[in-house]
Amino acid sequence: MFLEQVACDKSSLAYLFGCAGQSLAMAVDVHAGDEDRFVAMAEARGVKIQYVVDTHIHADHISGGRQLAALTGAQYALHEGDHSLPFDFLPLADGQTLKMGNVSAQVLHTPGHTDDHICLLVTDHSRGEEPWFVLTGHALFVGSVGRPDLHGRTQEMAERLYDSLFARLLTQPDYLEILPGAQAGSVCGGGISGKPCSTIGFEKRHNPTLSKSREQFIEEVSAAVLPPVDEIQAIIKANTSL
């Protein structure tokens, strides 16, 4: 297995990973303008990008996912809840597994930051049948959690975020590595660490937001004052239009 964590504009993180032995890969949360970079990375490793996934419809940057898929012949994928969008994509359902040779990525629907948000539970079957890491997108960061206010309904989304984190992610094994979709400086969460990876166990012990009761979590996350995302509606429109 190989894994590339790619630092992008606006403190976002994107990923290219897959099976080196069978030369198949997945790209996740690619920014517009970085498409050629991912093509070059794949060519350097001698792999074909089979899937391009966005963990959600982004509000902080324009996605390069559809363009990268067009350049490489990959399938572009989003959560199935985005079915009303005016372009074709591979709809992903909770529990669905995408395979790239000896590597698989299982879809976990984790709404809260957005309704359509997913995480990807990744296993390298050449090493074992237990998952190795989880791409947490903007649901769980190192030292923080995703903001729930981008589309309104802030308290409702904070409730859904709590349920997603505590029922879907924090029930995973403590050794499981967390690879988030952003690091310190992102406007998609407050107090995010500059360290771009962690583990479930470390976050359960040391992420301050995760030590709260459900009521405290919802109150604190709903009340957090975070920088506005400039031109948020324009970015969403670009990511949801033909």
Foldseek 3Di string as FASTA:
>chain_A
DDKDWDQDPQQWIKIWDADLVLQEIEIEQAAPVCLVVVVVVSVVSNHAYAEYEYQALDLQGAGCRVVNCVVRVHFYEFAQVLVPFPDDGDHADQQDWDHHDQKIWGWHQQFQLHNGGIKTFMDRPVVHDATAAIEREQADAALWGFARPLPHPRLVSLLSSLCSCVVPPLVGDQNHKYAYGGAPSHQGIPPGHNDRMDTSNVCCVRNVLNVDDSVVNSVVSSPDDTDDRPPSVVSSCSRRHD
